[in-house]
């Protein structure tokens, strides 16, 4: 049974990683999410130590942390699509331009972030992106401009 769960966790992480490779700009995650992930990792490895203490248990704990990490940090955009977390499954969903009903970009006042709102499948997805003044902002602007144009022309 542990092998099956380990395989499912690793397959989920692999799928999310495969989708992530197609993205060029990634979300800015809140510090609270990082702390929750760290706390979860400590708890998972502690439980593996207390209840199993085998290599398989540690691999199971590590793979569950990897899957949770991929859900939290692999979301992003490219010129053709947006990668979002649906909330009901640990697998990310790639939303193509043709599936986007509405998209809105707004600057967050008094913070160095952009808020991107995407409406697709009857749901609204909100993502935060870092607004920095380096080369990345130019790449973000270019990718987002192409995505917005593609949605408008569709």
N, C-alpha and C. Protein backbone atom coordinates (compact mmCIF):
# COMPACT_ATOMS: atom_id res chain seq x y z
N UNK A 1 0.82 -1.20 0.00
CA UNK A 1 0.00 0.00 0.00
C UNK A 1 0.86 1.26 0.00
N UNK A 2 1.94 1.22 0.79
CA UNK A 2 2.83 2.39 0.84
C UNK A 2 3.47 2.65 -0.52
N UNK A 3 3.78 1.56 -1.22
CA UNK A 3 4.38 1.73 -2.55
C UNK A 3 3.42 2.40 -3.52
N UNK A 4 2.14 2.05 -3.42
CA UNK A 4 1.13 2.66 -4.28
C UNK A 4 1.01 4.16 -4.00
N UNK A 5 0.93 4.52 -2.72
CA UNK A 5 0.82 5.93 -2.35
C UNK A 5 2.09 6.69 -2.75
N UNK A 6 3.24 6.08 -2.54
CA UNK A 6 4.51 6.70 -2.95
C UNK A 6 4.51 6.94 -4.46
N UNK A 7 4.06 5.97 -5.22
CA UNK A 7 3.98 6.12 -6.67
C UNK A 7 3.03 7.22 -7.09
N UNK A 8 1.88 7.32 -6.41
CA UNK A 8 0.92 8.37 -6.73
C UNK A 8 1.48 9.76 -6.42
N UNK A 9 2.13 9.90 -5.27
CA UNK A 9 2.74 11.20 -4.92
C UNK A 9 3.80 11.59 -5.94
N UNK A 10 4.66 10.64 -6.31
CA UNK A 10 5.72 10.95 -7.27
C UNK A 10 5.15 11.21 -8.66
N UNK A 11 4.12 10.49 -9.04
CA UNK A 11 3.48 10.73 -10.34
C UNK A 11 2.84 12.12 -10.38
N UNK A 12 2.19 12.51 -9.29
CA UNK A 12 1.60 13.86 -9.21
C UNK A 12 2.66 14.94 -9.30
N UNK A 13 3.77 14.75 -8.57
CA UNK A 13 4.86 15.72 -8.65
C UNK A 13 5.44 15.76 -10.05
N UNK A 14 5.63 14.60 -10.67
CA UNK A 14 6.17 14.55 -12.03
C UNK A 14 5.27 15.25 -13.03
N UNK A 15 3.97 15.05 -12.91
CA UNK A 15 3.02 15.71 -13.81
C UNK A 15 3.07 17.22 -13.62
N UNK A 16 3.06 17.69 -12.37
CA UNK A 16 3.13 19.13 -12.11
C UNK A 16 4.44 19.71 -12.63
N UNK A 17 5.53 18.96 -12.46
CA UNK A 17 6.82 19.43 -12.96
C UNK A 17 6.81 19.50 -14.49
N UNK A 18 6.20 18.53 -15.13
CA UNK A 18 6.11 18.51 -16.59
C UNK A 18 5.35 19.74 -17.09
N UNK A 19 4.26 20.11 -16.41
CA UNK A 19 3.52 21.31 -16.79
C UNK A 19 4.33 22.58 -16.50
N UNK A 20 5.06 22.59 -15.40
CA UNK A 20 5.85 23.76 -15.00
C UNK A 20 6.92 24.09 -16.04
N UNK A 21 7.48 23.10 -16.68
CA UNK A 21 8.55 23.35 -17.65
C UNK A 21 8.11 24.24 -18.79
N UNK A 22 6.81 24.28 -19.07
CA UNK A 22 6.30 25.08 -20.18
C UNK A 22 6.06 26.54 -19.78
N UNK A 23 6.10 26.84 -18.48
CA UNK A 23 5.84 28.20 -17.99
C UNK A 23 7.14 29.01 -17.97
N UNK A 24 7.01 30.32 -18.15
CA UNK A 24 8.19 31.18 -18.13
C UNK A 24 8.23 32.12 -16.94
N UNK A 25 7.07 32.49 -16.41
CA UNK A 25 6.99 33.38 -15.26
C UNK A 25 6.19 32.66 -14.17
N UNK A 26 6.68 32.72 -12.92
CA UNK A 26 6.05 31.98 -11.83
C UNK A 26 5.49 32.91 -10.77
N UNK A 27 4.52 32.41 -10.01
CA UNK A 27 3.85 33.23 -9.01
C UNK A 27 4.77 33.59 -7.86
N UNK A 28 4.38 34.64 -7.15
CA UNK A 28 5.05 35.02 -5.91
C UNK A 28 4.18 34.47 -4.78
N UNK A 29 4.71 33.54 -4.05
CA UNK A 29 3.94 32.94 -2.97
C UNK A 29 4.15 33.71 -1.67
N UNK A 30 3.13 33.80 -0.86
CA UNK A 30 3.20 34.51 0.41
C UNK A 30 4.14 33.79 1.37
N UNK A 31 4.81 34.52 2.27
CA UNK A 31 5.70 33.87 3.24
C UNK A 31 4.99 32.86 4.13
N UNK A 32 3.71 33.08 4.42
CA UNK A 32 2.96 32.15 5.25
C UNK A 32 2.92 30.76 4.61
N UNK A 33 2.81 30.71 3.30
CA UNK A 33 2.76 29.42 2.61
C UNK A 33 4.09 28.69 2.77
N UNK A 34 5.18 29.43 2.73
CA UNK A 34 6.50 28.80 2.94
C UNK A 34 6.59 28.19 4.34
N UNK A 35 6.12 28.93 5.34
CA UNK A 35 6.17 28.44 6.71
C UNK A 35 5.25 27.23 6.90
N UNK A 36 4.12 27.25 6.27
CA UNK A 36 3.22 26.09 6.34
C UNK A 36 3.88 24.87 5.70
N UNK A 37 4.55 25.07 4.58
CA UNK A 37 5.24 23.97 3.91
C UNK A 37 6.37 23.42 4.79
N UNK A 38 7.12 24.30 5.43
CA UNK A 38 8.20 23.87 6.33
C UNK A 38 7.62 23.09 7.51
N UNK A 39 6.55 23.62 8.10
CA UNK A 39 5.92 22.93 9.23
C UNK A 39 5.39 21.56 8.80
N UNK A 40 4.80 21.50 7.61
CA UNK A 40 4.30 20.23 7.11
C UNK A 40 5.45 19.24 6.91
N UNK A 41 6.56 19.71 6.36
CA UNK A 41 7.71 18.83 6.14
C UNK A 41 8.24 18.28 7.46
N UNK A 42 8.36 19.14 8.46
CA UNK A 42 8.83 18.69 9.77
C UNK A 42 7.87 17.65 10.34
N UNK A 43 6.58 17.92 10.26
CA UNK A 43 5.57 16.99 10.78
C UNK A 43 5.60 15.66 10.02
N UNK A 44 5.71 15.72 8.70
CA UNK A 44 5.72 14.49 7.89
C UNK A 44 6.93 13.62 8.23
N UNK A 45 8.11 14.24 8.33
CA UNK A 45 9.30 13.45 8.65
C UNK A 45 9.28 12.97 10.10
N UNK A 46 8.71 13.75 11.00
CA UNK A 46 8.57 13.30 12.39
C UNK A 46 7.65 12.09 12.46
N UNK A 47 6.54 12.14 11.72
CA UNK A 47 5.62 11.00 11.70
C UNK A 47 6.29 9.77 11.09
N UNK A 48 7.09 9.97 10.06
CA UNK A 48 7.82 8.85 9.46
C UNK A 48 8.80 8.25 10.46
N UNK A 49 9.44 9.09 11.25
CA UNK A 49 10.38 8.62 12.27
C UNK A 49 9.65 7.88 13.39
N UNK A 50 8.55 8.44 13.86
CA UNK A 50 7.81 7.86 14.99
C UNK A 50 7.11 6.56 14.64
N UNK A 51 6.46 6.50 13.50
CA UNK A 51 5.59 5.38 13.21
C UNK A 51 6.17 4.33 12.27
N UNK A 52 7.25 4.64 11.61
CA UNK A 52 7.76 3.66 10.67
C UNK A 52 9.26 3.47 10.77
N UNK A 53 9.97 4.56 10.64
CA UNK A 53 11.43 4.58 10.71
C UNK A 53 12.08 3.66 9.68
N UNK A 54 11.47 3.58 8.50
CA UNK A 54 12.10 2.84 7.40
C UNK A 54 12.36 3.82 6.25
N UNK A 55 13.20 3.41 5.35
CA UNK A 55 13.50 4.24 4.18
C UNK A 55 12.23 4.53 3.40
N UNK A 56 11.37 3.56 3.30
CA UNK A 56 10.12 3.72 2.57
C UNK A 56 9.25 4.81 3.21
N UNK A 57 9.21 4.86 4.53
CA UNK A 57 8.41 5.88 5.22
C UNK A 57 8.98 7.27 4.98
N UNK A 58 10.30 7.38 5.01
CA UNK A 58 10.92 8.69 4.75
C UNK A 58 10.72 9.11 3.29
N UNK A 59 10.77 8.14 2.37
CA UNK A 59 10.51 8.45 0.96
C UNK A 59 9.07 8.90 0.77
N UNK A 60 8.15 8.28 1.48
CA UNK A 60 6.74 8.67 1.42
C UNK A 60 6.55 10.09 1.95
N UNK A 61 7.20 10.40 3.06
CA UNK A 61 7.11 11.76 3.62
C UNK A 61 7.72 12.77 2.66
N UNK A 62 8.88 12.46 2.11
CA UNK A 62 9.54 13.38 1.18
C UNK A 62 8.73 13.59 -0.09
N UNK A 63 8.13 12.53 -0.61
CA UNK A 63 7.34 12.68 -1.84
C UNK A 63 6.07 13.48 -1.59
N UNK A 64 5.49 13.36 -0.41
CA UNK A 64 4.30 14.18 -0.11
C UNK A 64 4.68 15.65 0.02
N UNK A 65 5.85 15.93 0.57
CA UNK A 65 6.33 17.32 0.65
C UNK A 65 6.59 17.86 -0.75
N UNK A 66 7.19 17.06 -1.61
CA UNK A 66 7.43 17.50 -2.99
C UNK A 66 6.13 17.81 -3.72
N UNK A 67 5.12 16.98 -3.54
CA UNK A 67 3.84 17.22 -4.20
C UNK A 67 3.21 18.51 -3.69
N UNK A 68 3.24 18.72 -2.38
CA UNK A 68 2.69 19.96 -1.81
C UNK A 68 3.47 21.18 -2.30
N UNK A 69 4.80 21.04 -2.39
CA UNK A 69 5.63 22.14 -2.91
C UNK A 69 5.26 22.46 -4.35
N UNK A 70 5.05 21.43 -5.16
CA UNK A 70 4.72 21.68 -6.57
C UNK A 70 3.38 22.38 -6.72
N UNK A 71 2.42 22.04 -5.88
CA UNK A 71 1.11 22.69 -5.94
C UNK A 71 1.25 24.16 -5.57
N UNK A 72 2.08 24.45 -4.58
CA UNK A 72 2.20 25.83 -4.08
C UNK A 72 3.05 26.72 -4.98
N UNK A 73 4.10 26.19 -5.58
CA UNK A 73 5.08 27.06 -6.23
C UNK A 73 5.24 26.89 -7.74
N UNK A 74 4.58 25.93 -8.36
CA UNK A 74 4.77 25.71 -9.79
C UNK A 74 3.78 26.47 -10.66
N UNK A 75 2.85 27.21 -10.09
CA UNK A 75 1.88 27.95 -10.89
C UNK A 75 2.57 29.08 -11.63
N UNK A 76 2.10 29.40 -12.84
CA UNK A 76 2.72 30.47 -13.62
C UNK A 76 2.00 30.73 -14.92
N UNK A 77 2.68 31.53 -15.76
CA UNK A 77 2.10 31.89 -17.06
C UNK A 77 3.16 31.75 -18.15
N UNK A 78 2.68 31.62 -19.37
CA UNK A 78 3.48 31.83 -20.56
C UNK A 78 2.57 32.50 -21.58
N UNK A 79 3.03 32.67 -22.79
CA UNK A 79 2.25 33.44 -23.77
C UNK A 79 0.99 32.70 -24.24
N UNK A 80 0.92 31.40 -24.03
CA UNK A 80 -0.20 30.60 -24.52
C UNK A 80 -1.17 30.12 -23.45
N UNK A 81 -0.73 30.13 -22.18
CA UNK A 81 -1.56 29.51 -21.15
C UNK A 81 -1.19 29.98 -19.75
N UNK A 82 -2.03 29.57 -18.81
CA UNK A 82 -1.83 29.86 -17.40
C UNK A 82 -1.91 28.54 -16.65
N UNK A 83 -1.03 28.35 -15.69
CA UNK A 83 -1.02 27.14 -14.88
C UNK A 83 -1.59 27.48 -13.51
N UNK A 84 -2.70 26.85 -13.12
CA UNK A 84 -3.40 27.20 -11.89
C UNK A 84 -3.63 25.96 -11.02
N UNK A 85 -3.88 26.22 -9.74
CA UNK A 85 -4.27 25.20 -8.78
C UNK A 85 -5.78 25.24 -8.65
N UNK A 86 -6.43 24.13 -8.95
CA UNK A 86 -7.89 24.09 -8.94
C UNK A 86 -8.48 24.03 -7.53
N UNK A 87 -7.75 23.50 -6.58
CA UNK A 87 -8.22 23.44 -5.21
C UNK A 87 -8.84 22.11 -4.82
N UNK A 88 -9.23 21.31 -5.77
CA UNK A 88 -9.86 20.03 -5.45
C UNK A 88 -8.94 18.84 -5.70
N UNK A 89 -7.82 19.07 -6.32
CA UNK A 89 -6.89 18.00 -6.65
C UNK A 89 -5.46 18.55 -6.52
N UNK A 90 -4.50 17.71 -6.19
CA UNK A 90 -3.12 18.19 -6.11
C UNK A 90 -2.45 18.35 -7.47
N UNK A 91 -3.19 18.09 -8.53
CA UNK A 91 -2.64 18.27 -9.86
C UNK A 91 -2.97 19.67 -10.36
N UNK A 92 -1.99 20.33 -10.96
CA UNK A 92 -2.21 21.65 -11.52
C UNK A 92 -2.94 21.53 -12.85
N UNK A 93 -3.58 22.60 -13.26
CA UNK A 93 -4.35 22.62 -14.52
C UNK A 93 -3.79 23.70 -15.42
N UNK A 94 -3.49 23.34 -16.65
CA UNK A 94 -3.03 24.31 -17.64
C UNK A 94 -4.26 24.82 -18.39
N UNK A 95 -4.51 26.12 -18.26
CA UNK A 95 -5.65 26.74 -18.93
C UNK A 95 -5.13 27.41 -20.19
N UNK A 96 -5.58 26.94 -21.33
CA UNK A 96 -5.15 27.52 -22.61
C UNK A 96 -5.94 28.78 -22.90
N UNK A 97 -5.44 29.58 -23.81
CA UNK A 97 -6.07 30.85 -24.17
C UNK A 97 -7.53 30.64 -24.58
N UNK A 98 -7.80 29.60 -25.33
CA UNK A 98 -9.17 29.37 -25.81
C UNK A 98 -10.14 29.04 -24.67
N UNK A 99 -9.63 28.64 -23.51
CA UNK A 99 -10.48 28.29 -22.38
C UNK A 99 -10.69 29.44 -21.40
N UNK A 100 -9.98 30.55 -21.60
CA UNK A 100 -10.08 31.70 -20.69
C UNK A 100 -11.25 32.57 -21.12
N UNK A 101 -12.18 32.79 -20.20
CA UNK A 101 -13.33 33.65 -20.48
C UNK A 101 -12.99 35.13 -20.27
N UNK A 102 -12.22 35.42 -19.23
CA UNK A 102 -11.89 36.81 -18.90
C UNK A 102 -10.57 36.81 -18.15
N UNK A 103 -9.79 37.88 -18.37
CA UNK A 103 -8.51 38.01 -17.67
C UNK A 103 -8.33 39.48 -17.29
N UNK A 104 -7.80 39.72 -16.10
CA UNK A 104 -7.62 41.07 -15.60
C UNK A 104 -6.31 41.15 -14.83
N UNK A 105 -5.53 42.18 -15.11
CA UNK A 105 -4.28 42.42 -14.40
C UNK A 105 -4.40 43.73 -13.66
N UNK A 106 -4.05 43.72 -12.37
CA UNK A 106 -4.07 44.96 -11.59
C UNK A 106 -2.85 45.01 -10.68
N UNK A 107 -2.37 46.23 -10.47
CA UNK A 107 -1.26 46.42 -9.54
C UNK A 107 -1.81 46.45 -8.12
N UNK A 108 -1.11 45.81 -7.21
CA UNK A 108 -1.52 45.83 -5.82
C UNK A 108 -0.95 47.09 -5.19
N UNK A 109 -1.80 47.97 -4.66
CA UNK A 109 -1.31 49.22 -4.09
C UNK A 109 -0.39 48.96 -2.90
N UNK A 110 0.66 49.73 -2.83
CA UNK A 110 1.64 49.71 -1.74
C UNK A 110 2.40 48.39 -1.63
N UNK A 111 2.35 47.57 -2.64
CA UNK A 111 3.14 46.34 -2.67
C UNK A 111 3.78 46.24 -4.04
N UNK A 112 4.81 45.46 -4.12
CA UNK A 112 5.50 45.32 -5.40
C UNK A 112 5.03 44.06 -6.12
N UNK A 113 3.71 43.93 -6.25
CA UNK A 113 3.16 42.75 -6.92
C UNK A 113 2.05 43.13 -7.89
N UNK A 114 1.83 42.24 -8.82
CA UNK A 114 0.68 42.31 -9.73
C UNK A 114 -0.31 41.22 -9.30
N UNK A 115 -1.58 41.49 -9.44
CA UNK A 115 -2.62 40.49 -9.19
C UNK A 115 -3.24 40.15 -10.54
N UNK A 116 -3.19 38.89 -10.91
CA UNK A 116 -3.76 38.42 -12.16
C UNK A 116 -5.00 37.60 -11.84
N UNK A 117 -6.14 38.02 -12.39
CA UNK A 117 -7.39 37.29 -12.19
C UNK A 117 -7.80 36.66 -13.52
N UNK A 118 -8.04 35.37 -13.48
CA UNK A 118 -8.41 34.62 -14.66
C UNK A 118 -9.77 33.97 -14.40
N UNK A 119 -10.68 34.11 -15.33
CA UNK A 119 -11.98 33.43 -15.23
C UNK A 119 -12.01 32.36 -16.32
N UNK A 120 -12.16 31.12 -15.88
CA UNK A 120 -12.24 29.98 -16.80
C UNK A 120 -13.00 28.86 -16.10
N UNK A 121 -13.71 28.07 -16.86
CA UNK A 121 -14.49 26.94 -16.33
C UNK A 121 -15.49 27.40 -15.27
N UNK A 122 -15.95 28.63 -15.34
CA UNK A 122 -16.90 29.14 -14.37
C UNK A 122 -16.29 29.48 -13.02
N UNK A 123 -14.98 29.47 -12.91
CA UNK A 123 -14.27 29.77 -11.67
C UNK A 123 -13.34 30.95 -11.88
N UNK A 124 -13.03 31.65 -10.79
CA UNK A 124 -12.06 32.74 -10.85
C UNK A 124 -10.80 32.32 -10.11
N UNK A 125 -9.67 32.44 -10.78
CA UNK A 125 -8.38 32.10 -10.20
C UNK A 125 -7.59 33.39 -10.04
N UNK A 126 -7.00 33.59 -8.87
CA UNK A 126 -6.21 34.79 -8.60
C UNK A 126 -4.79 34.36 -8.29
N UNK A 127 -3.83 35.02 -8.95
CA UNK A 127 -2.42 34.74 -8.71
C UNK A 127 -1.69 36.05 -8.50
N UNK A 128 -0.66 36.02 -7.67
CA UNK A 128 0.20 37.18 -7.44
C UNK A 128 1.54 36.96 -8.11
N UNK A 129 2.03 38.01 -8.76
CA UNK A 129 3.33 37.96 -9.41
C UNK A 129 4.20 39.10 -8.90
N UNK A 130 5.47 38.81 -8.68
CA UNK A 130 6.41 39.81 -8.19
C UNK A 130 6.65 40.86 -9.25
N UNK A 131 6.62 42.12 -8.84
CA UNK A 131 6.93 43.22 -9.76
C UNK A 131 8.31 43.74 -9.37
N UNK A 132 9.31 43.25 -10.04
CA UNK A 132 10.66 43.75 -9.76
C UNK A 132 11.15 44.54 -10.96
N UNK A 133 12.16 45.31 -10.73
CA UNK A 133 12.64 46.23 -11.77
C UNK A 133 13.92 45.69 -12.41
N UNK A 134 13.88 44.44 -12.74
CA UNK A 134 15.03 43.83 -13.41
C UNK A 134 14.57 43.32 -14.77
N UNK A 135 15.36 42.48 -15.35
CA UNK A 135 15.03 41.93 -16.66
C UNK A 135 13.76 41.09 -16.62
N UNK A 136 13.47 40.51 -15.46
CA UNK A 136 12.28 39.67 -15.35
C UNK A 136 11.00 40.44 -15.61
N UNK A 137 10.94 41.70 -15.19
CA UNK A 137 9.70 42.46 -15.40
C UNK A 137 9.43 42.64 -16.88
N UNK A 138 10.47 42.84 -17.66
CA UNK A 138 10.29 42.94 -19.10
C UNK A 138 9.76 41.64 -19.68
N UNK A 139 10.28 40.51 -19.19
CA UNK A 139 9.80 39.21 -19.65
C UNK A 139 8.36 38.99 -19.22
N UNK A 140 8.03 39.39 -17.99
CA UNK A 140 6.66 39.26 -17.50
C UNK A 140 5.71 40.09 -18.34
N UNK A 141 6.09 41.34 -18.60
CA UNK A 141 5.25 42.23 -19.39
C UNK A 141 5.05 41.67 -20.79
N UNK A 142 6.11 41.15 -21.40
CA UNK A 142 6.01 40.59 -22.75
C UNK A 142 5.09 39.36 -22.77
N UNK A 143 5.32 38.44 -21.84
CA UNK A 143 4.50 37.23 -21.79
C UNK A 143 3.04 37.58 -21.52
N UNK A 144 2.81 38.48 -20.60
CA UNK A 144 1.44 38.84 -20.25
C UNK A 144 0.76 39.59 -21.37
N UNK A 145 1.48 40.48 -22.04
CA UNK A 145 0.91 41.21 -23.17
C UNK A 145 0.48 40.23 -24.26
N UNK A 146 1.33 39.26 -24.56
CA UNK A 146 0.98 38.26 -25.57
C UNK A 146 -0.23 37.43 -25.14
N UNK A 147 -0.29 37.08 -23.84
CA UNK A 147 -1.42 36.32 -23.33
C UNK A 147 -2.70 37.13 -23.40
N UNK A 148 -2.64 38.40 -22.99
CA UNK A 148 -3.83 39.26 -23.02
C UNK A 148 -4.32 39.46 -24.45
N UNK A 149 -3.39 39.66 -25.38
CA UNK A 149 -3.77 39.82 -26.79
C UNK A 149 -4.42 38.55 -27.34
N UNK A 150 -3.85 37.41 -26.98
CA UNK A 150 -4.41 36.14 -27.46
C UNK A 150 -5.82 35.93 -26.93
N UNK A 151 -6.06 36.29 -25.65
CA UNK A 151 -7.41 36.15 -25.08
C UNK A 151 -8.36 37.11 -25.77
N UNK A 152 -7.90 38.34 -26.02
CA UNK A 152 -8.76 39.35 -26.65
C UNK A 152 -9.11 38.94 -28.08
N UNK A 153 -8.17 38.36 -28.80
CA UNK A 153 -8.40 37.98 -30.19
C UNK A 153 -9.18 36.67 -30.32
N UNK A 154 -9.29 35.94 -29.25
CA UNK A 154 -9.99 34.65 -29.33
C UNK A 154 -11.45 34.82 -29.31
